[in-house]
């Protein structure tokens, strides 16, 4: 199982702290507590080998990577999904793959979802779309 993206460093970069003073303050505060923001660009394709699925980022979003005692934790505002891995690169790959897995599962069970889980599906679909 894995993600097929050519060069993570090319596609993922920390959020630009020069955009606003508020963002700069957030980046500074995040650095103090060991949190880094990774900007996921529109148009990035995420491939998962199991289940065989691919998705494309339709709106950019930020993944927060937090350094913790056990390794690195990845989260974002677009999903309740989280991942824990040994390195920042591993956790980014795992997190993106998990987003695809979550989206595939939610879409295949759409009729069975509660209204709150359906809202989670719609939020995720706002940022990421499965491609054939």
Protein backbone atom coordinates (compact mmCIF):
# COMPACT_ATOMS: atom_id res chain seq x y z
CA UNK A 1 0.00 0.00 0.00
CA UNK A 2 1.32 3.39 -0.83
CA UNK A 3 0.90 6.68 -2.45
CA UNK A 4 2.25 7.46 -5.89
CA UNK A 5 3.46 11.03 -5.98
CA UNK A 6 6.68 11.86 -7.77
CA UNK A 7 8.35 14.38 -5.45
CA UNK A 8 6.81 15.35 -2.12
CA UNK A 9 9.13 18.32 -1.66
CA UNK A 10 7.99 19.76 -4.98
CA UNK A 11 4.29 19.49 -4.15
CA UNK A 12 4.19 20.12 -0.42
CA UNK A 13 5.59 23.20 1.19
CA UNK A 14 4.95 25.02 4.38
CA UNK A 15 2.15 27.55 4.25
CA UNK A 16 3.41 30.99 3.25
CA UNK A 17 3.81 33.10 6.39
CA UNK A 18 4.05 36.33 4.37
CA UNK A 19 0.39 36.34 3.27
CA UNK A 20 -1.03 37.97 6.40
CA UNK A 21 0.14 39.03 9.81
CA UNK A 22 -2.29 36.56 11.36
CA UNK A 23 -0.83 33.66 9.36
CA UNK A 24 2.67 34.76 10.36
CA UNK A 25 1.68 34.71 14.02
CA UNK A 26 0.19 31.22 13.59
CA UNK A 27 3.37 29.92 11.92
CA UNK A 28 5.53 31.39 14.69
CA UNK A 29 3.30 29.92 17.41
CA UNK A 30 3.20 26.58 15.60
CA UNK A 31 6.98 26.40 15.35
CA UNK A 32 7.26 26.91 19.08
CA UNK A 33 5.10 23.88 19.87
CA UNK A 34 6.43 21.65 17.08
CA UNK A 35 3.63 22.02 14.52
CA UNK A 36 4.34 22.57 10.83
CA UNK A 37 1.76 23.36 8.18
CA UNK A 38 2.07 21.70 4.76
CA UNK A 39 0.15 23.29 1.88
CA UNK A 40 -1.44 20.74 -0.46
CA UNK A 41 -1.84 22.32 -3.89
CA UNK A 42 -4.84 22.14 -6.18
CA UNK A 43 -4.32 19.57 -8.94
CA UNK A 44 -2.21 17.12 -6.93
CA UNK A 45 -3.18 13.52 -7.72
CA UNK A 46 -3.18 11.05 -4.85
CA UNK A 47 -3.03 7.35 -5.71
CA UNK A 48 -3.70 4.51 -3.32
CA UNK A 49 -2.89 0.93 -4.26
CA UNK A 50 -5.51 -0.70 -2.02
CA UNK A 51 -8.30 -0.10 -2.71
CA UNK A 52 -7.20 0.87 -6.19
CA UNK A 53 -8.32 4.47 -6.25
CA UNK A 54 -7.04 7.87 -7.26
CA UNK A 55 -8.17 11.30 -6.19
CA UNK A 56 -7.35 14.84 -7.20
CA UNK A 57 -7.15 17.88 -4.96
CA UNK A 58 -9.72 20.36 -6.25
CA UNK A 59 -9.18 23.02 -3.59
CA UNK A 60 -5.93 23.55 -1.70
CA UNK A 61 -5.79 22.69 1.99
CA UNK A 62 -3.30 22.52 4.84
CA UNK A 63 -2.11 19.42 6.68
CA UNK A 64 -0.70 20.02 10.14
CA UNK A 65 2.20 17.79 11.16
CA UNK A 66 2.82 17.73 14.90
CA UNK A 67 5.96 16.29 16.44
CA UNK A 68 5.00 14.03 19.35
CA UNK A 69 6.89 11.53 21.48
CA UNK A 70 5.82 8.58 19.29
CA UNK A 71 6.71 10.27 15.99
CA UNK A 72 4.64 12.64 13.87
CA UNK A 73 0.87 13.18 13.83
CA UNK A 74 -0.96 14.49 10.73
CA UNK A 75 -4.37 16.19 10.86
CA UNK A 76 -6.33 18.75 8.85
CA UNK A 77 -9.55 20.72 8.99
CA UNK A 78 -11.10 18.87 6.04
CA UNK A 79 -11.50 15.49 7.75
CA UNK A 80 -11.50 13.71 11.09
CA UNK A 81 -8.83 11.38 9.70
CA UNK A 82 -5.46 11.38 11.44
CA UNK A 83 -2.24 9.41 10.98
CA UNK A 84 0.80 8.67 13.11
CA UNK A 85 4.17 7.74 11.55
CA UNK A 86 7.89 7.88 12.32
CA UNK A 87 8.83 10.70 9.90
CA UNK A 88 7.11 13.78 8.43
CA UNK A 89 7.32 12.33 4.90
CA UNK A 90 5.78 9.03 5.96
CA UNK A 91 2.96 10.74 7.82
CA UNK A 92 2.14 12.99 4.83
CA UNK A 93 1.93 9.97 2.53
CA UNK A 94 -0.16 7.98 5.01
CA UNK A 95 -2.48 10.89 5.67
CA UNK A 96 -3.17 11.55 2.00
CA UNK A 97 -3.78 7.84 1.37
CA UNK A 98 -6.15 7.76 4.34
CA UNK A 99 -8.10 10.69 2.90
CA UNK A 100 -8.62 8.73 -0.31
CA UNK A 101 -9.62 5.60 1.62
CA UNK A 102 -12.05 7.63 3.73
CA UNK A 103 -13.58 9.30 0.68
CA UNK A 104 -14.01 5.98 -1.15
CA UNK A 105 -15.64 4.37 1.90
CA UNK A 106 -17.96 7.30 2.63
CA UNK A 107 -19.08 7.55 -0.99
CA UNK A 108 -19.79 3.82 -1.18
CA UNK A 109 -21.91 3.97 2.01
CA UNK A 110 -23.55 7.34 1.33
CA UNK A 111 -27.12 6.06 1.74
CA UNK A 112 -26.32 4.61 5.17
CA UNK A 113 -24.61 7.67 6.67
CA UNK A 114 -26.00 9.77 9.49
CA UNK A 115 -26.47 13.47 8.77
CA UNK A 116 -23.31 14.43 10.68
CA UNK A 117 -21.17 11.87 8.79
CA UNK A 118 -22.80 12.98 5.53
CA UNK A 119 -21.60 16.53 6.33
CA UNK A 120 -18.07 15.13 6.74
CA UNK A 121 -18.38 13.50 3.32
CA UNK A 122 -19.50 16.76 1.73
CA UNK A 123 -16.62 18.68 3.36
CA UNK A 124 -14.08 16.15 2.10
CA UNK A 125 -15.64 16.19 -1.40
CA UNK A 126 -15.29 19.97 -1.40
CA UNK A 127 -11.48 19.54 -1.38
CA UNK A 128 -10.81 16.11 -2.91
CA UNK A 129 -12.52 14.21 -5.75
CA UNK A 130 -12.16 10.57 -6.78
CA UNK A 131 -11.10 10.23 -10.42
CA UNK A 132 -11.60 7.20 -12.64
